[in-house]
Protein backbone atom coordinates (compact mmCIF):
# COMPACT_ATOMS: atom_id res chain seq x y z
CA MET A 1 26.15 -3.68 0.40
CA THR A 2 29.47 -2.38 -1.01
CA PRO A 3 29.76 0.97 -2.88
CA THR A 4 30.34 -0.94 -6.12
CA SER A 5 27.21 -3.04 -5.73
CA GLN A 6 25.23 0.08 -4.81
CA ALA A 7 26.31 1.72 -8.07
CA GLN A 8 25.29 -1.39 -9.98
CA VAL A 9 21.86 -1.32 -8.33
CA ARG A 10 21.42 2.38 -9.18
CA MET A 11 22.36 1.73 -12.83
CA SER A 12 19.95 -1.17 -13.23
CA SER A 13 17.12 -0.15 -15.56
CA GLY A 14 15.15 -3.20 -14.45
CA LEU A 15 15.29 -2.07 -10.83
CA LYS A 16 14.30 1.47 -11.77
CA GLN A 17 11.26 0.08 -13.54
CA SER A 18 10.45 -2.14 -10.56
CA LEU A 19 10.69 0.81 -8.15
CA GLY A 20 8.43 2.89 -10.40
CA SER A 21 5.88 0.08 -10.43
CA ALA A 22 6.13 -0.14 -6.65
CA MET A 23 5.25 3.53 -6.20
CA GLN A 24 2.27 3.27 -8.56
CA LEU A 25 1.10 0.11 -6.80
CA ALA A 26 1.33 1.79 -3.39
CA LEU A 27 -0.47 4.95 -4.55
CA THR A 28 -3.29 3.04 -6.27
CA HIS A 29 -4.03 0.84 -3.28
CA CYS A 30 -3.63 3.69 -0.80
CA ARG A 31 -6.36 5.57 -2.66
CA GLN A 32 -8.59 2.52 -2.65
CA GLN A 33 -8.19 2.07 1.11
CA PHE A 34 -8.95 5.73 1.89
CA ARG A 35 -11.50 6.43 -0.83
CA TRP A 36 -14.32 7.16 1.62
CA GLU A 37 -12.27 8.85 4.33
CA ARG A 38 -11.54 12.56 4.74
CA TRP A 39 -7.89 12.10 3.90
CA ASN A 40 -7.94 10.22 0.61
CA CYS A 41 -4.24 9.68 -0.09
CA PRO A 42 -3.38 12.57 -2.43
CA GLU A 43 -0.44 12.06 -4.74
CA ALA A 44 1.50 14.80 -2.94
CA SER A 45 1.72 12.46 0.08
CA PHE A 46 4.24 10.36 -1.84
CA PHE A 47 6.64 13.25 -2.44
CA ARG A 48 8.79 15.48 -0.23
CA ARG A 49 8.50 12.94 2.56
CA GLU A 50 11.52 14.39 4.40
CA ARG A 51 9.48 17.50 5.26
CA GLN A 52 6.16 15.89 6.05
CA VAL A 53 4.60 16.00 9.50
CA ALA A 54 4.71 12.58 11.17
CA THR A 55 0.96 11.92 11.41
CA ARG A 56 -0.96 8.64 11.17
CA GLU A 57 -1.40 9.23 7.45
CA THR A 58 2.31 9.76 6.88
CA ALA A 59 2.91 6.52 8.79
CA TYR A 60 0.57 4.66 6.41
CA VAL A 61 2.27 6.15 3.33
CA ASN A 62 5.72 5.13 4.57
CA ALA A 63 4.53 1.61 5.36
CA ILE A 64 2.71 0.98 2.09
CA MET A 65 5.60 2.38 0.05
CA ALA A 66 7.98 -0.03 1.78
CA ALA A 67 5.57 -2.91 1.17
CA GLY A 68 5.21 -1.88 -2.47
CA VAL A 69 8.97 -2.01 -3.02
CA VAL A 70 9.28 -5.44 -1.39
CA TYR A 71 6.35 -6.77 -3.42
CA SER A 72 7.40 -5.34 -6.79
CA VAL A 73 11.06 -6.35 -6.47
CA ALA A 74 10.13 -9.87 -5.32
CA ARG A 75 7.83 -10.27 -8.34
CA SER A 76 10.52 -8.94 -10.69
CA CYS A 77 13.03 -11.37 -9.22
CA SER A 78 10.68 -14.34 -9.57
CA ARG A 79 10.07 -13.45 -13.23
CA GLY A 80 13.79 -13.24 -13.88
CA ASP A 81 13.60 -9.52 -14.74
CA LEU A 82 16.29 -8.59 -12.21
CA GLU A 83 19.78 -9.97 -11.80
CA ASP A 84 21.63 -10.75 -8.59
CA CYS A 85 18.40 -11.29 -6.68
CA TYR A 86 19.52 -14.41 -4.87
CA SER A 87 22.82 -15.22 -3.24
CA ASP A 88 22.05 -18.94 -3.27
CA PRO A 89 22.57 -20.44 -6.78
CA ALA A 90 20.18 -23.25 -5.87
CA ARG A 91 17.38 -20.67 -5.76
CA THR A 92 17.99 -19.48 -9.34
CA PRO A 93 15.32 -20.62 -11.86
CA PRO A 94 16.43 -23.30 -14.36
CA ALA A 95 18.24 -21.67 -17.28
CA HIS A 96 16.26 -23.59 -19.93
CA LEU A 97 12.96 -22.10 -18.79
CA ALA A 98 11.72 -18.78 -20.12
CA GLY A 99 8.76 -16.48 -19.74
CA ARG A 100 5.91 -17.58 -17.49
CA ALA A 101 7.35 -21.08 -17.02
CA ARG A 102 10.48 -19.54 -15.53
CA TRP A 103 8.36 -17.34 -13.24
CA GLU A 104 6.21 -20.22 -12.00
CA ALA A 105 9.29 -22.32 -11.29
CA MET A 106 10.71 -19.65 -8.98
CA PRO A 107 9.19 -19.48 -5.48
CA GLU A 108 8.71 -15.86 -4.41
CA ASP A 109 11.37 -14.73 -1.96
CA VAL A 110 11.01 -11.30 -0.37
CA THR A 111 14.57 -11.16 1.03
CA HIS A 112 16.06 -9.11 -1.80
CA GLY A 113 13.00 -6.85 -1.92
CA GLU A 114 13.40 -6.13 1.78
CA LYS A 115 17.04 -5.16 1.27
CA VAL A 116 16.15 -2.84 -1.63
CA SER A 117 13.31 -1.31 0.38
CA GLN A 118 15.63 -0.58 3.31
CA GLN A 119 18.22 0.99 1.02
CA TYR A 120 15.97 3.28 -0.99
CA LEU A 121 13.52 4.38 1.71
CA ARG A 122 16.12 5.15 4.36
CA SER A 123 15.78 8.70 5.70
CA ARG A 124 18.63 11.06 4.91
CA ARG A 125 18.28 12.65 8.32
CA LYS A 126 19.90 11.05 11.34
CA ASP A 127 19.00 11.19 15.04
CA ASP A 128 15.67 12.76 14.16
CA TRP A 129 12.28 12.04 15.68
CA SER A 130 10.53 11.74 12.32
CA ALA A 131 13.36 9.62 10.89
CA ALA A 132 13.07 7.14 13.77
CA ALA A 133 9.29 6.92 13.31
CA ARG A 134 9.70 6.41 9.56
CA ALA A 135 12.27 3.66 10.06
CA HIS A 136 9.81 1.83 12.31
CA ASN A 137 6.85 2.31 9.95
CA THR A 138 8.73 1.15 6.86
CA ALA A 139 9.69 -1.97 8.85
CA VAL A 140 5.97 -2.50 9.55
CA GLY A 141 5.29 -2.34 5.81
CA ARG A 142 8.05 -4.81 4.94
CA THR A 143 6.87 -7.21 7.63
CA ALA A 144 3.28 -7.02 6.36
CA VAL A 145 4.34 -8.57 3.05
CA GLU A 146 6.07 -11.50 4.71
CA ASP A 147 3.37 -12.03 7.35
CA THR A 148 0.61 -12.31 4.74
CA MET A 149 2.40 -14.88 2.56
CA VAL A 150 0.54 -18.14 2.05
CA ARG A 151 1.65 -21.71 1.44
CA ALA A 152 1.35 -22.95 -2.14
CA CYS A 153 2.00 -26.52 -3.28
CA LYS A 154 2.40 -28.39 -6.54
CA CYS A 155 1.84 -32.12 -6.92
CA HIS A 156 4.19 -34.51 -8.71
CA GLY A 157 3.47 -38.08 -9.68
CA VAL A 158 2.04 -40.34 -12.33
CA SER A 159 -1.40 -39.23 -13.57
CA GLY A 160 -1.61 -36.54 -10.94
CA SER A 161 -1.33 -38.98 -8.05
CA CYS A 162 0.47 -36.37 -5.95
CA SER A 163 2.86 -38.97 -4.57
CA MET A 164 5.31 -36.10 -4.15
CA LYS A 165 4.53 -32.50 -3.34
CA THR A 166 6.64 -29.36 -3.53
CA CYS A 167 5.55 -26.43 -1.37
CA TRP A 168 6.71 -22.85 -1.04
CA LYS A 169 5.55 -19.51 0.31
CA LYS A 170 3.75 -17.15 -2.03
CA MET A 171 2.74 -13.51 -1.75
CA VAL A 172 -0.96 -12.66 -1.69
CA GLU A 173 -2.51 -9.96 -3.87
CA PHE A 174 -1.26 -6.51 -2.89
CA GLY A 175 -4.78 -5.36 -1.98
CA SER A 176 -4.73 -7.76 0.98
CA ILE A 177 -1.40 -6.32 2.12
CA ALA A 178 -2.76 -2.77 1.82
CA SER A 179 -5.76 -3.80 3.94
CA THR A 180 -3.47 -5.30 6.58
CA ILE A 181 -1.49 -2.06 6.82
CA HIS A 182 -4.77 -0.14 6.99
CA ARG A 183 -5.71 -2.14 10.09
CA HIS A 184 -2.34 -1.21 11.58
CA TYR A 185 -3.13 2.43 10.72
CA LYS A 186 -6.38 2.28 12.69
CA HIS A 187 -4.47 1.01 15.74
CA ALA A 188 -1.47 3.34 15.34
CA VAL A 189 0.26 4.42 18.54
CA LYS A 190 1.38 7.95 19.35
CA ILE A 191 4.96 8.24 20.54
CA GLY A 192 6.58 10.94 22.65
CA PHE A 193 10.09 12.04 23.49
CA GLU A 194 11.68 11.44 26.86
CA TRP A 195 13.93 14.45 27.30
CA GLY A 196 15.95 12.93 30.10
CA VAL A 197 16.59 9.67 28.27
CA ALA A 198 16.73 11.04 24.71
CA ASP A 199 14.69 8.20 23.35
CA PHE A 200 11.18 7.65 22.09
CA ALA A 201 8.45 6.15 24.21
CA LEU A 202 4.94 4.95 23.48
CA GLY A 203 2.36 7.06 25.24
CA ASN A 204 1.04 10.61 25.25
CA GLY A 205 4.41 12.24 24.79
CA GLY A 206 6.06 15.04 26.75
CA ALA A 207 8.80 15.14 29.33
CA SER A 208 6.92 12.95 31.77
CA SER A 209 5.89 10.31 29.25
CA SER A 210 6.48 6.72 30.14
CA GLY A 211 6.11 3.41 28.38
CA GLN A 212 7.92 1.27 25.87
CA LYS A 213 10.73 2.67 23.79
CA ILE A 214 10.10 2.81 20.06
CA SER A 215 12.60 -0.01 19.53
CA GLU A 216 10.34 -2.19 21.68
CA ALA A 217 7.11 -1.25 19.91
CA LYS A 218 5.32 -4.12 18.29
CA ILE A 219 6.13 -4.44 14.60
CA LYS A 220 2.40 -4.44 13.86
CA HIS A 221 1.94 -0.97 15.38
CA LEU A 222 2.37 2.04 13.14
CA VAL A 223 3.64 4.99 15.15
CA TYR A 224 3.15 8.75 14.77
CA LEU A 225 4.33 11.92 16.49
CA GLN A 226 1.59 14.47 15.85
CA GLU A 227 -2.17 14.35 15.70
CA SER A 228 -3.71 14.62 12.25
CA PRO A 229 -5.03 18.03 11.17
CA ASN A 230 -8.70 18.70 10.45
CA TYR A 231 -9.06 17.40 6.92
CA CYS A 232 -12.53 18.95 6.51
CA TYR A 233 -11.23 22.35 5.48
CA PRO A 234 -8.59 23.63 3.04
CA ASN A 235 -5.05 24.21 4.29
CA SER A 236 -3.02 26.65 2.22
CA SER A 237 0.31 25.69 3.79
CA THR A 238 -0.01 22.02 2.84
CA GLY A 239 -2.16 22.45 -0.27
CA TRP A 240 -4.89 20.25 1.18
CA PRO A 241 -8.23 21.12 -0.57
CA GLY A 242 -10.64 19.95 2.15
CA THR A 243 -13.65 17.71 1.59
CA ARG A 244 -15.90 20.21 -0.17
CA GLY A 245 -16.72 18.84 -3.61
CA ARG A 246 -15.84 15.28 -2.62
CA THR A 247 -18.11 12.46 -3.78
CA CYS A 248 -19.88 10.38 -1.15
CA SER A 249 -22.09 7.30 -1.35
CA ARG A 250 -25.32 5.89 0.05
CA PRO A 251 -25.06 2.29 -1.12
CA ARG A 252 -27.68 -0.41 -0.98
CA GLY A 253 -27.01 -4.06 -0.38
CA ASP A 254 -24.52 -5.95 1.73
CA ASN A 255 -21.39 -5.45 -0.39
CA ALA A 256 -20.61 -1.91 0.74
CA THR A 257 -18.02 -1.27 3.43
CA ALA A 258 -18.78 0.53 6.68
CA GLU A 259 -16.60 3.44 5.48
CA GLU A 260 -18.67 3.83 2.31
CA ARG A 261 -21.95 3.73 4.26
CA ARG A 262 -20.72 6.50 6.56
CA SER A 263 -19.12 8.56 3.80
CA CYS A 264 -21.82 11.24 3.34
CA ARG A 265 -22.01 11.88 7.08
CA ARG A 266 -18.25 11.79 7.55
CA LEU A 267 -17.20 13.82 4.50
CA CYS A 268 -20.09 16.27 4.30
CA ARG A 269 -22.34 16.70 7.31
CA SER A 270 -19.69 16.29 10.01
CA CYS A 271 -17.63 18.93 8.20
CA GLY A 272 -20.50 21.41 7.95
CA TYR A 273 -21.38 20.75 4.31
CA ARG A 274 -24.68 19.60 2.89
CA VAL A 275 -25.10 16.58 0.65
CA HIS A 276 -25.84 17.77 -2.89
CA ARG A 277 -27.69 15.40 -5.20
CA VAL A 278 -27.43 15.60 -9.00
CA LEU A 279 -29.29 13.36 -11.43
CA ARG A 280 -27.23 12.24 -14.39
CA GLU A 281 -28.20 10.10 -17.37
CA VAL A 282 -25.82 7.34 -18.34
CA ARG A 283 -25.99 5.56 -21.67
CA SER A 284 -24.63 2.07 -22.05
CA ALA A 285 -24.86 -0.93 -24.37
CA CYS A 286 -27.52 -3.47 -23.46
CA ASN A 287 -29.53 -6.38 -24.86
CA CYS A 288 -26.54 -7.52 -26.88
CA SER A 289 -26.84 -10.50 -29.22
CA PHE A 290 -24.37 -12.43 -31.32
CA GLN A 291 -24.97 -12.56 -35.09
CA TRP A 292 -23.35 -15.05 -37.43
CA CYS A 293 -20.63 -14.33 -38.39
CA CYS A 294 -19.07 -12.53 -36.50
CA GLN A 295 -20.82 -9.46 -35.18
CA VAL A 296 -22.44 -8.36 -31.95
CA SER A 297 -25.57 -6.22 -32.08
CA CYS A 298 -26.54 -4.12 -29.04
CA SER A 299 -29.22 -1.66 -28.06
CA THR A 300 -28.54 1.56 -26.18
CA CYS A 301 -30.10 1.80 -22.75
CA THR A 302 -30.37 4.91 -20.58
CA SER A 303 -30.29 4.87 -16.80
CA THR A 304 -30.41 7.59 -14.17
CA VAL A 305 -27.54 7.86 -11.70
CA HIS A 306 -27.65 9.87 -8.46
CA ASP A 307 -24.35 11.67 -7.87
CA LEU A 308 -23.80 12.79 -4.27
CA SER A 309 -21.22 15.38 -3.28
CA CYS A 310 -20.37 17.76 -0.44
CA GLN A 311 -21.44 21.36 -1.05
């Protein structure tokens, strides 16, 4: 990208809005993925990334931010909210369409989003261990968007006969992408530094480490340099509050995740805290009925909720 085009991108209010939406999207879904884990994706994880320790959690943040940018920019392009998204004029939506019709007529293409993601999430530091790990992890995030795309088709023909069919690739909901990156997080690989070769290698690290170089690591492997700290207890240097006071859950039924079922043990008991139970009354509308015309009449019902937290 030329210096002139870079300036144009920086001055684009539409792109600024898209990048802001990307960060909010990444933060929201990161919190959902880690809701029942000790590290629960604090907002501070999305700032001052140049100085963050390269742990598994930092790897996830870098990957989901990159995915968020690709996703948000691709959606903005398909809606026609951003200019210069496509180099191929044939891919531009028909000029006579507007609004949702214009969006639906434009197949989602992540190419421009990937370019924007690479540009804005590139580390300012060069020849640095953490910078190399971040570059790999952001590539994992970008790839996750493309790998999860699905095939969508639209029929054409008289009376819906579907004698002709147009198909394209479409992005899935971002929650599915966040879950995919979360699986990569669980199988993240620690990398070390080969002092004699001056390159990264997968393995336990250290001067005698051996294995694949980071450039050869599978794109579905997040990588990290340092083991995660103990998130049970507060850390004054990082501002981490620990798990004391965190809410946990003892769900019933088959809809709860394994992480939620283990949350009280993982967040409280394994960290040396007890599970504190508080009964709370919740009032809500119930027994609602429609009355002609045009009102809804409801009763007020009271239920007891058990709040569980680490104390």
